[in-house]
Amino acid sequence: SLRLSCAASGSIFSFTIMGWYRQAPGKQREPVAIITSSGTTNYADS
């Protein structure tokens, strides 16, 4: 297991969506998981 963390700073007022993406060598960047401002989540099937 691992836990990734992302800290935001700067001109922040309201994030609509926050998410994680990944890119493996030789492949395109793909979405992994997103979370909306209301807490709705969506995950890649994998």
All heavy atoms as atom14 arrays in JSON, in Angstrom:
{
  "sequence": "SLRLSCAASGSIFSFTIMGWYRQAPGKQREPVAIITSSGTTNYADS",
  "atom14_mask": [
    [1, 1, 1, 1, 1, 1, 0, 0, 0, 0, 0, 0, 0, 0],
    [1, 1, 1, 1, 1, 1, 1, 1, 0, 0, 0, 0, 0, 0],
    [1, 1, 1, 1, 1, 1, 1, 1, 1, 1, 1, 0, 0, 0],
    [1, 1, 1, 1, 1, 1, 1, 1, 0, 0, 0, 0, 0, 0],
    [1, 1, 1, 1, 1, 1, 0, 0, 0, 0, 0, 0, 0, 0],
    [1, 1, 1, 1, 1, 1, 0, 0, 0, 0, 0, 0, 0, 0],
    [1, 1, 1, 1, 1, 0, 0, 0, 0, 0, 0, 0, 0, 0],
    [1, 1, 1, 1, 1, 0, 0, 0, 0, 0, 0, 0, 0, 0],
    [1, 1, 1, 1, 1, 1, 0, 0, 0, 0, 0, 0, 0, 0],
    [1, 1, 1, 1, 0, 0, 0, 0, 0, 0, 0, 0, 0, 0],
    [1, 1, 1, 1, 1, 1, 0, 0, 0, 0, 0, 0, 0, 0],
    [1, 1, 1, 1, 1, 1, 1, 1, 0, 0, 0, 0, 0, 0],
    [1, 1, 1, 1, 1, 1, 1, 1, 1, 1, 1, 0, 0, 0],
    [1, 1, 1, 1, 1, 1, 0, 0, 0, 0, 0, 0, 0, 0],
    [1, 1, 1, 1, 1, 1, 1, 1, 1, 1, 1, 0, 0, 0],
    [1, 1, 1, 1, 1, 1, 1, 0, 0, 0, 0, 0, 0, 0],
    [1, 1, 1, 1, 1, 1, 1, 1, 0, 0, 0, 0, 0, 0],
    [1, 1, 1, 1, 1, 1, 1, 1, 0, 0, 0, 0, 0, 0],
    [1, 1, 1, 1, 0, 0, 0, 0, 0, 0, 0, 0, 0, 0],
    [1, 1, 1, 1, 1, 1, 1, 1, 1, 1, 1, 1, 1, 1],
    [1, 1, 1, 1, 1, 1, 1, 1, 1, 1, 1, 1, 0, 0],
    [1, 1, 1, 1, 1, 1, 1, 1, 1, 1, 1, 0, 0, 0],
    [1, 1, 1, 1, 1, 1, 1, 1, 1, 0, 0, 0, 0, 0],
    [1, 1, 1, 1, 1, 0, 0, 0, 0, 0, 0, 0, 0, 0],
    [1, 1, 1, 1, 1, 1, 1, 0, 0, 0, 0, 0, 0, 0],
    [1, 1, 1, 1, 0, 0, 0, 0, 0, 0, 0, 0, 0, 0],
    [1, 1, 1, 1, 1, 1, 1, 1, 1, 0, 0, 0, 0, 0],
    [1, 1, 1, 1, 1, 1, 1, 1, 1, 0, 0, 0, 0, 0],
    [1, 1, 1, 1, 1, 1, 1, 1, 1, 1, 1, 0, 0, 0],
    [1, 1, 1, 1, 1, 1, 1, 1, 1, 0, 0, 0, 0, 0],
    [1, 1, 1, 1, 1, 1, 1, 0, 0, 0, 0, 0, 0, 0],
    [1, 1, 1, 1, 1, 1, 1, 0, 0, 0, 0, 0, 0, 0],
    [1, 1, 1, 1, 1, 0, 0, 0, 0, 0, 0, 0, 0, 0],
    [1, 1, 1, 1, 1, 1, 1, 1, 0, 0, 0, 0, 0, 0],
    [1, 1, 1, 1, 1, 1, 1, 1, 0, 0, 0, 0, 0, 0],
    [1, 1, 1, 1, 1, 1, 1, 0, 0, 0, 0, 0, 0, 0],
    [1, 1, 1, 1, 1, 1, 0, 0, 0, 0, 0, 0, 0, 0],
    [1, 1, 1, 1, 1, 1, 0, 0, 0, 0, 0, 0, 0, 0],
    [1, 1, 1, 1, 0, 0, 0, 0, 0, 0, 0, 0, 0, 0],
    [1, 1, 1, 1, 1, 1, 1, 0, 0, 0, 0, 0, 0, 0],
    [1, 1, 1, 1, 1, 1, 1, 0, 0, 0, 0, 0, 0, 0],
    [1, 1, 1, 1, 1, 1, 1, 1, 0, 0, 0, 0, 0, 0],
    [1, 1, 1, 1, 1, 1, 1, 1, 1, 1, 1, 1, 0, 0],
    [1, 1, 1, 1, 1, 0, 0, 0, 0, 0, 0, 0, 0, 0],
    [1, 1, 1, 1, 1, 1, 1, 1, 0, 0, 0, 0, 0, 0],
    [1, 1, 1, 1, 1, 1, 0, 0, 0, 0, 0, 0, 0, 0]
  ],
  "atom14_positions": [
    [[0.83, -1.21, 0.0], [0.0, 0.0, 0.0], [0.86, 1.25, 0.0], [2.0, 1.24, 0.51], [-0.9, 0.03, 1.24], [-1.79, -1.06, 1.27], [0.0, 0.0, 0.0], [0.0, 0.0, 0.0], [0.0, 0.0, 0.0], [0.0, 0.0, 0.0], [0.0, 0.0, 0.0], [0.0, 0.0, 0.0], [0.0, 0.0, 0.0], [0.0, 0.0, 0.0]],
    [[0.31, 2.3, -0.56], [0.91, 3.64, -0.51], [-0.22, 4.65, -0.39], [-1.34, 4.41, -0.86], [1.71, 3.95, -1.77], [3.1, 3.34, -1.94], [3.65, 3.69, -3.33], [4.05, 3.82, -0.86], [0.0, 0.0, 0.0], [0.0, 0.0, 0.0], [0.0, 0.0, 0.0], [0.0, 0.0, 0.0], [0.0, 0.0, 0.0], [0.0, 0.0, 0.0]],
    [[0.11, 5.79, 0.19], [-0.85, 6.87, 0.24], [-0.21, 8.12, -0.36], [0.82, 8.58, 0.11], [-1.31, 7.18, 1.66], [-2.48, 8.16, 1.7], [-2.98, 8.4, 3.1], [-2.14, 9.33, 3.84], [-2.54, 9.99, 4.92], [-3.76, 9.81, 5.38], [-1.71, 10.8, 5.54], [0.0, 0.0, 0.0], [0.0, 0.0, 0.0], [0.0, 0.0, 0.0]],
    [[-0.84, 8.61, -1.41], [-0.38, 9.83, -2.06], [-1.13, 11.03, -1.5], [-2.33, 10.94, -1.21], [-0.59, 9.76, -3.57], [0.04, 8.58, -4.3], [-0.2, 8.7, -5.81], [1.51, 8.46, -4.0], [0.0, 0.0, 0.0], [0.0, 0.0, 0.0], [0.0, 0.0, 0.0], [0.0, 0.0, 0.0], [0.0, 0.0, 0.0], [0.0, 0.0, 0.0]],
    [[-0.42, 12.12, -1.38], [-1.02, 13.36, -0.89], [-0.71, 14.49, -1.86], [0.37, 14.54, -2.44], [-0.46, 13.7, 0.49], [-0.99, 14.91, 0.97], [0.0, 0.0, 0.0], [0.0, 0.0, 0.0], [0.0, 0.0, 0.0], [0.0, 0.0, 0.0], [0.0, 0.0, 0.0], [0.0, 0.0, 0.0], [0.0, 0.0, 0.0], [0.0, 0.0, 0.0]],
    [[-1.67, 15.39, -2.03], [-1.49, 16.55, -2.9], [-1.94, 17.79, -2.14], [-3.11, 17.88, -1.74], [-2.29, 16.38, -4.17], [-2.27, 17.82, -5.26], [0.0, 0.0, 0.0], [0.0, 0.0, 0.0], [0.0, 0.0, 0.0], [0.0, 0.0, 0.0], [0.0, 0.0, 0.0], [0.0, 0.0, 0.0], [0.0, 0.0, 0.0], [0.0, 0.0, 0.0]],
    [[-1.02, 18.71, -1.95], [-1.32, 19.94, -1.23], [-1.4, 21.1, -2.22], [-0.49, 21.29, -3.03], [-0.25, 20.22, -0.19], [0.0, 0.0, 0.0], [0.0, 0.0, 0.0], [0.0, 0.0, 0.0], [0.0, 0.0, 0.0], [0.0, 0.0, 0.0], [0.0, 0.0, 0.0], [0.0, 0.0, 0.0], [0.0, 0.0, 0.0], [0.0, 0.0, 0.0]],
    [[-2.48, 21.85, -2.14], [-2.69, 22.99, -3.03], [-2.42, 24.28, -2.28], [-2.73, 24.4, -1.1], [-4.11, 22.99, -3.56], [0.0, 0.0, 0.0], [0.0, 0.0, 0.0], [0.0, 0.0, 0.0], [0.0, 0.0, 0.0], [0.0, 0.0, 0.0], [0.0, 0.0, 0.0], [0.0, 0.0, 0.0], [0.0, 0.0, 0.0], [0.0, 0.0, 0.0]],
    [[-1.85, 25.24, -2.99], [-1.61, 26.56, -2.42], [-1.75, 27.6, -3.51], [-1.82, 27.28, -4.7], [-0.21, 26.63, -1.79], [0.79, 26.42, -2.78], [0.0, 0.0, 0.0], [0.0, 0.0, 0.0], [0.0, 0.0, 0.0], [0.0, 0.0, 0.0], [0.0, 0.0, 0.0], [0.0, 0.0, 0.0], [0.0, 0.0, 0.0], [0.0, 0.0, 0.0]],
    [[-1.8, 28.85, -3.1], [-1.92, 29.93, -4.07], [-3.31, 30.55, -4.04], [-3.93, 30.66, -2.99], [0.0, 0.0, 0.0], [0.0, 0.0, 0.0], [0.0, 0.0, 0.0], [0.0, 0.0, 0.0], [0.0, 0.0, 0.0], [0.0, 0.0, 0.0], [0.0, 0.0, 0.0], [0.0, 0.0, 0.0], [0.0, 0.0, 0.0], [0.0, 0.0, 0.0]],
    [[-3.79, 30.92, -5.21], [-5.08, 31.61, -5.33], [-6.21, 30.59, -5.35], [-6.71, 30.2, -6.41], [-5.1, 32.46, -6.59], [-4.07, 33.42, -6.57], [0.0, 0.0, 0.0], [0.0, 0.0, 0.0], [0.0, 0.0, 0.0], [0.0, 0.0, 0.0], [0.0, 0.0, 0.0], [0.0, 0.0, 0.0], [0.0, 0.0, 0.0], [0.0, 0.0, 0.0]],
    [[-6.61, 30.17, -4.17], [-7.62, 29.13, -4.04], [-8.92, 29.74, -3.55], [-8.92, 30.48, -2.56], [-7.17, 28.05, -3.05], [-5.87, 27.4, -3.54], [-8.26, 26.99, -2.88], [-5.21, 26.53, -2.49], [0.0, 0.0, 0.0], [0.0, 0.0, 0.0], [0.0, 0.0, 0.0], [0.0, 0.0, 0.0], [0.0, 0.0, 0.0], [0.0, 0.0, 0.0]],
    [[-10.01, 29.44, -4.25], [-11.3, 29.82, -3.69], [-12.28, 28.66, -3.72], [-12.98, 28.42, -2.77], [-11.88, 31.06, -4.38], [-11.86, 31.03, -5.88], [-12.92, 30.5, -6.6], [-10.79, 31.56, -6.59], [-12.92, 30.49, -7.98], [-10.79, 31.56, -7.97], [-11.86, 31.02, -8.67], [0.0, 0.0, 0.0], [0.0, 0.0, 0.0], [0.0, 0.0, 0.0]],
    [[-12.32, 27.89, -4.78], [-13.24, 26.75, -4.81], [-12.85, 25.79, -5.92], [-12.95, 26.13, -7.1], [-14.68, 27.22, -5.03], [-15.56, 26.12, -5.07], [0.0, 0.0, 0.0], [0.0, 0.0, 0.0], [0.0, 0.0, 0.0], [0.0, 0.0, 0.0], [0.0, 0.0, 0.0], [0.0, 0.0, 0.0], [0.0, 0.0, 0.0], [0.0, 0.0, 0.0]],
    [[-12.41, 24.62, -5.51], [-12.09, 23.61, -6.51], [-13.35, 22.85, -6.89], [-14.06, 22.35, -6.04], [-11.06, 22.63, -5.97], [-9.71, 23.23, -5.73], [-8.94, 22.84, -4.65], [-9.18, 24.17, -6.61], [-7.68, 23.39, -4.43], [-7.93, 24.72, -6.4], [-7.18, 24.33, -5.3], [0.0, 0.0, 0.0], [0.0, 0.0, 0.0], [0.0, 0.0, 0.0]],
    [[-13.6, 22.75, -8.19], [-14.75, 22.0, -8.67], [-14.48, 20.51, -8.59], [-15.28, 19.73, -8.1], [-15.09, 22.39, -10.11], [-15.24, 23.8, -10.18], [-16.34, 21.69, -10.58], [0.0, 0.0, 0.0], [0.0, 0.0, 0.0], [0.0, 0.0, 0.0], [0.0, 0.0, 0.0], [0.0, 0.0, 0.0], [0.0, 0.0, 0.0], [0.0, 0.0, 0.0]],
    [[-13.33, 20.13, -9.11], [-12.92, 18.73, -9.15], [-11.46, 18.62, -8.75], [-10.63, 19.43, -9.16], [-13.12, 18.13, -10.57], [-14.6, 18.1, -10.94], [-12.52, 16.73, -10.66], [-14.86, 17.64, -12.36], [0.0, 0.0, 0.0], [0.0, 0.0, 0.0], [0.0, 0.0, 0.0], [0.0, 0.0, 0.0], [0.0, 0.0, 0.0], [0.0, 0.0, 0.0]],
    [[-11.17, 17.61, -7.96], [-9.79, 17.27, -7.63], [-9.59, 15.82, -8.04], [-10.5, 15.01, -7.89], [-9.5, 17.44, -6.14], [-9.83, 18.83, -5.61], [-9.48, 19.04, -3.85], [-7.69, 19.3, -3.9], [0.0, 0.0, 0.0], [0.0, 0.0, 0.0], [0.0, 0.0, 0.0], [0.0, 0.0, 0.0], [0.0, 0.0, 0.0], [0.0, 0.0, 0.0]],
    [[-8.42, 15.52, -8.57], [-8.25, 14.16, -9.04], [-6.81, 13.73, -9.17], [-5.88, 14.52, -9.01], [0.0, 0.0, 0.0], [0.0, 0.0, 0.0], [0.0, 0.0, 0.0], [0.0, 0.0, 0.0], [0.0, 0.0, 0.0], [0.0, 0.0, 0.0], [0.0, 0.0, 0.0], [0.0, 0.0, 0.0], [0.0, 0.0, 0.0], [0.0, 0.0, 0.0]],
    [[-6.66, 12.43, -9.43], [-5.37, 11.82, -9.65], [-5.35, 11.16, -11.03], [-6.33, 10.52, -11.42], [-5.07, 10.77, -8.58], [-4.8, 11.35, -7.24], [-5.69, 11.57, -6.23], [-3.54, 11.82, -6.75], [-5.07, 12.14, -5.16], [-3.73, 12.3, -5.45], [-2.25, 11.86, -7.3], [-2.7, 12.82, -4.68], [-1.22, 12.37, -6.53], [-1.46, 12.85, -5.24]],
    [[-4.23, 11.33, -11.71], [-4.01, 10.74, -13.02], [-2.66, 10.03, -12.98], [-1.85, 10.29, -12.09], [-4.0, 11.82, -14.1], [-5.32, 12.54, -14.23], [-5.73, 13.46, -13.27], [-6.16, 12.31, -15.32], [-6.94, 14.11, -13.37], [-7.37, 12.96, -15.44], [-7.75, 13.86, -14.46], [-8.95, 14.51, -14.57], [0.0, 0.0, 0.0], [0.0, 0.0, 0.0]],
    [[-2.42, 9.18, -13.93], [-1.12, 8.51, -13.97], [-0.68, 8.3, -15.41], [-1.49, 8.23, -16.32], [-1.17, 7.17, -13.23], [-2.03, 6.1, -13.87], [-2.11, 4.88, -12.96], [-2.92, 3.81, -13.55], [-3.26, 2.69, -12.91], [-2.86, 2.5, -11.65], [-3.98, 1.77, -13.51], [0.0, 0.0, 0.0], [0.0, 0.0, 0.0], [0.0, 0.0, 0.0]],
    [[0.63, 8.2, -15.56], [1.21, 7.97, -16.88], [2.34, 6.97, -16.74], [3.34, 7.24, -16.07], [1.72, 9.28, -17.49], [2.19, 9.13, -18.93], [2.39, 10.46, -19.62], [2.53, 11.5, -18.97], [2.42, 10.45, -20.93], [0.0, 0.0, 0.0], [0.0, 0.0, 0.0], [0.0, 0.0, 0.0], [0.0, 0.0, 0.0], [0.0, 0.0, 0.0]],
    [[2.15, 5.83, -17.37], [3.17, 4.8, -17.39], [4.09, 5.02, -18.59], [3.68, 5.66, -19.57], [2.53, 3.42, -17.45], [0.0, 0.0, 0.0], [0.0, 0.0, 0.0], [0.0, 0.0, 0.0], [0.0, 0.0, 0.0], [0.0, 0.0, 0.0], [0.0, 0.0, 0.0], [0.0, 0.0, 0.0], [0.0, 0.0, 0.0], [0.0, 0.0, 0.0]],
    [[5.3, 4.5, -18.56], [6.23, 4.68, -19.69], [5.62, 4.19, -21.0], [5.09, 3.08, -21.07], [7.43, 3.81, -19.28], [7.38, 3.79, -17.8], [5.92, 3.77, -17.45], [0.0, 0.0, 0.0], [0.0, 0.0, 0.0], [0.0, 0.0, 0.0], [0.0, 0.0, 0.0], [0.0, 0.0, 0.0], [0.0, 0.0, 0.0], [0.0, 0.0, 0.0]],
    [[5.68, 5.04, -22.01], [5.18, 4.68, -23.32], [3.67, 4.72, -23.46], [3.13, 4.33, -24.51], [0.0, 0.0, 0.0], [0.0, 0.0, 0.0], [0.0, 0.0, 0.0], [0.0, 0.0, 0.0], [0.0, 0.0, 0.0], [0.0, 0.0, 0.0], [0.0, 0.0, 0.0], [0.0, 0.0, 0.0], [0.0, 0.0, 0.0], [0.0, 0.0, 0.0]],
    [[2.98, 5.18, -22.43], [1.52, 5.24, -22.48], [1.02, 6.65, -22.25], [1.74, 7.51, -21.75], [0.92, 4.3, -21.42], [1.22, 2.83, -21.67], [0.45, 1.95, -20.69], [0.68, 0.48, -20.97], [-0.1, -0.38, -20.03], [0.0, 0.0, 0.0], [0.0, 0.0, 0.0], [0.0, 0.0, 0.0], [0.0, 0.0, 0.0], [0.0, 0.0, 0.0]],
    [[-0.24, 6.87, -22.63], [-0.84, 8.18, -22.41], [-1.27, 8.34, -20.95], [-1.52, 7.36, -20.25], [-2.06, 8.35, -23.32], [-1.72, 8.49, -24.79], [-2.94, 8.84, -25.63], [-4.08, 8.57, -25.25], [-2.71, 9.47, -26.78], [0.0, 0.0, 0.0], [0.0, 0.0, 0.0], [0.0, 0.0, 0.0], [0.0, 0.0, 0.0], [0.0, 0.0, 0.0]],
    [[-1.34, 9.59, -20.53], [-1.83, 9.87, -19.19], [-3.3, 9.47, -19.1], [-4.08, 9.73, -20.01], [-1.67, 11.36, -18.86], [-1.91, 11.71, -17.42], [-1.56, 13.16, -17.13], [-0.15, 13.44, -17.39], [0.43, 14.61, -17.11], [-0.28, 15.59, -16.56], [1.71, 14.79, -17.38], [0.0, 0.0, 0.0], [0.0, 0.0, 0.0], [0.0, 0.0, 0.0]],
    [[-3.68, 8.84, -17.98], [-5.04, 8.37, -17.82], [-5.59, 8.76, -16.45], [-4.82, 8.87, -15.48], [-5.1, 6.84, -17.96], [-4.3, 6.09, -16.93], [-4.43, 4.58, -17.06], [-5.04, 4.09, -18.03], [-3.9, 3.87, -16.18], [0.0, 0.0, 0.0], [0.0, 0.0, 0.0], [0.0, 0.0, 0.0], [0.0, 0.0, 0.0], [0.0, 0.0, 0.0]],
    [[-6.88, 8.98, -16.35], [-7.47, 9.29, -15.06], [-7.5, 8.05, -14.16], [-7.73, 6.94, -14.64], [-8.89, 9.75, -15.42], [-9.18, 9.11, -16.72], [-7.88, 9.0, -17.45], [0.0, 0.0, 0.0], [0.0, 0.0, 0.0], [0.0, 0.0, 0.0], [0.0, 0.0, 0.0], [0.0, 0.0, 0.0], [0.0, 0.0, 0.0], [0.0, 0.0, 0.0]],
    [[-7.26, 8.28, -12.89], [-7.29, 7.21, -11.91], [-8.52, 7.36, -11.0], [-9.3, 6.43, -10.83], [-6.02, 7.21, -11.04], [-6.11, 6.16, -9.94], [-4.79, 6.97, -11.91], [0.0, 0.0, 0.0], [0.0, 0.0, 0.0], [0.0, 0.0, 0.0], [0.0, 0.0, 0.0], [0.0, 0.0, 0.0], [0.0, 0.0, 0.0], [0.0, 0.0, 0.0]],
    [[-8.68, 8.55, -10.45], [-9.8, 8.8, -9.54], [-10.04, 10.29, -9.45], [-9.09, 11.07, -9.48], [-9.51, 8.23, -8.15], [0.0, 0.0, 0.0], [0.0, 0.0, 0.0], [0.0, 0.0, 0.0], [0.0, 0.0, 0.0], [0.0, 0.0, 0.0], [0.0, 0.0, 0.0], [0.0, 0.0, 0.0], [0.0, 0.0, 0.0], [0.0, 0.0, 0.0]],
    [[-11.32, 10.67, -9.33], [-11.66, 12.07, -9.16], [-12.68, 12.2, -8.04], [-13.4, 11.24, -7.73], [-12.22, 12.72, -10.44], [-13.52, 12.05, -10.86], [-11.19, 12.69, -11.56], [-14.29, 12.83, -11.92], [0.0, 0.0, 0.0], [0.0, 0.0, 0.0], [0.0, 0.0, 0.0], [0.0, 0.0, 0.0], [0.0, 0.0, 0.0], [0.0, 0.0, 0.0]],
    [[-12.72, 13.4, -7.46], [-13.71, 13.69, -6.43], [-14.21, 15.11, -6.66], [-13.43, 16.03, -6.9], [-13.13, 13.51, -5.01], [-14.21, 13.72, -3.95], [-11.92, 14.41, -4.77], [-13.8, 13.24, -2.56], [0.0, 0.0, 0.0], [0.0, 0.0, 0.0], [0.0, 0.0, 0.0], [0.0, 0.0, 0.0], [0.0, 0.0, 0.0], [0.0, 0.0, 0.0]],
    [[-15.52, 15.27, -6.63], [-16.12, 16.58, -6.89], [-16.26, 17.37, -5.59], [-16.03, 16.85, -4.49], [-17.49, 16.44, -7.54], [-18.41, 15.9, -6.56], [-17.44, 15.52, -8.75], [0.0, 0.0, 0.0], [0.0, 0.0, 0.0], [0.0, 0.0, 0.0], [0.0, 0.0, 0.0], [0.0, 0.0, 0.0], [0.0, 0.0, 0.0], [0.0, 0.0, 0.0]],
    [[-16.67, 18.62, -5.73], [-16.85, 19.47, -4.56], [-17.95, 18.94, -3.64], [-17.94, 19.23, -2.44], [-17.17, 20.9, -4.99], [-18.32, 20.91, -5.82], [0.0, 0.0, 0.0], [0.0, 0.0, 0.0], [0.0, 0.0, 0.0], [0.0, 0.0, 0.0], [0.0, 0.0, 0.0], [0.0, 0.0, 0.0], [0.0, 0.0, 0.0], [0.0, 0.0, 0.0]],
    [[-18.87, 18.16, -4.19], [-19.95, 17.6, -3.38], [-19.57, 16.24, -2.78], [-20.38, 15.64, -2.06], [-21.21, 17.45, -4.22], [-21.0, 16.55, -5.29], [0.0, 0.0, 0.0], [0.0, 0.0, 0.0], [0.0, 0.0, 0.0], [0.0, 0.0, 0.0], [0.0, 0.0, 0.0], [0.0, 0.0, 0.0], [0.0, 0.0, 0.0], [0.0, 0.0, 0.0]],
    [[-18.37, 15.76, -3.12], [-17.92, 14.49, -2.56], [-18.16, 13.28, -3.43], [-17.81, 12.15, -3.04], [0.0, 0.0, 0.0], [0.0, 0.0, 0.0], [0.0, 0.0, 0.0], [0.0, 0.0, 0.0], [0.0, 0.0, 0.0], [0.0, 0.0, 0.0], [0.0, 0.0, 0.0], [0.0, 0.0, 0.0], [0.0, 0.0, 0.0], [0.0, 0.0, 0.0]],
    [[-18.72, 13.47, -4.6], [-18.92, 12.35, -5.52], [-17.58, 11.87, -6.06], [-16.74, 12.68, -6.44], [-19.82, 12.78, -6.69], [-21.08, 13.22, -6.18], [-20.04, 11.62, -7.65], [0.0, 0.0, 0.0], [0.0, 0.0, 0.0], [0.0, 0.0, 0.0], [0.0, 0.0, 0.0], [0.0, 0.0, 0.0], [0.0, 0.0, 0.0], [0.0, 0.0, 0.0]],
    [[-17.4, 10.57, -6.07], [-16.14, 10.0, -6.54], [-16.36, 9.14, -7.78], [-17.45, 8.62, -8.0], [-15.48, 9.15, -5.45], [-16.38, 8.11, -5.06], [-15.13, 9.98, -4.23], [0.0, 0.0, 0.0], [0.0, 0.0, 0.0], [0.0, 0.0, 0.0], [0.0, 0.0, 0.0], [0.0, 0.0, 0.0], [0.0, 0.0, 0.0], [0.0, 0.0, 0.0]],
    [[-15.29, 9.01, -8.55], [-15.33, 8.17, -9.74], [-13.95, 7.55, -9.91], [-12.94, 8.26, -9.72], [-15.73, 8.97, -10.97], [-16.19, 8.08, -12.1], [-16.34, 6.88, -11.95], [-16.44, 8.68, -13.25], [0.0, 0.0, 0.0], [0.0, 0.0, 0.0], [0.0, 0.0, 0.0], [0.0, 0.0, 0.0], [0.0, 0.0, 0.0], [0.0, 0.0, 0.0]],
    [[-13.92, 6.27, -10.25], [-12.65, 5.56, -10.35], [-12.51, 4.86, -11.7], [-13.49, 4.42, -12.3], [-12.56, 4.49, -9.25], [-12.56, 5.03, -7.85], [-13.74, 5.18, -7.15], [-11.36, 5.37, -7.22], [-13.75, 5.69, -5.86], [-11.36, 5.86, -5.92], [-12.55, 6.02, -5.26], [-12.54, 6.51, -3.97], [0.0, 0.0, 0.0], [0.0, 0.0, 0.0]],
    [[-11.27, 4.72, -12.12], [-11.01, 3.88, -13.28], [-11.33, 2.44, -12.9], [-11.13, 2.03, -11.75], [-9.54, 4.0, -13.69], [0.0, 0.0, 0.0], [0.0, 0.0, 0.0], [0.0, 0.0, 0.0], [0.0, 0.0, 0.0], [0.0, 0.0, 0.0], [0.0, 0.0, 0.0], [0.0, 0.0, 0.0], [0.0, 0.0, 0.0], [0.0, 0.0, 0.0]],
    [[-11.81, 1.68, -13.87], [-12.17, 0.29, -13.6], [-11.0, -0.51, -13.02], [-11.18, -1.39, -12.19], [-12.68, -0.38, -14.88], [-14.06, 0.11, -15.3], [-14.76, 0.69, -14.45], [-14.43, -0.09, -16.47], [0.0, 0.0, 0.0], [0.0, 0.0, 0.0], [0.0, 0.0, 0.0], [0.0, 0.0, 0.0], [0.0, 0.0, 0.0], [0.0, 0.0, 0.0]],
    [[-9.81, -0.18, -13.47], [-8.63, -0.94, -13.08], [-8.25, -0.77, -11.61], [-7.47, -1.55, -11.06], [-7.44, -0.55, -13.95], [-7.17, 0.83, -13.83], [0.0, 0.0, 0.0], [0.0, 0.0, 0.0], [0.0, 0.0, 0.0], [0.0, 0.0, 0.0], [0.0, 0.0, 0.0], [0.0, 0.0, 0.0], [0.0, 0.0, 0.0], [0.0, 0.0, 0.0]]
  ]
}
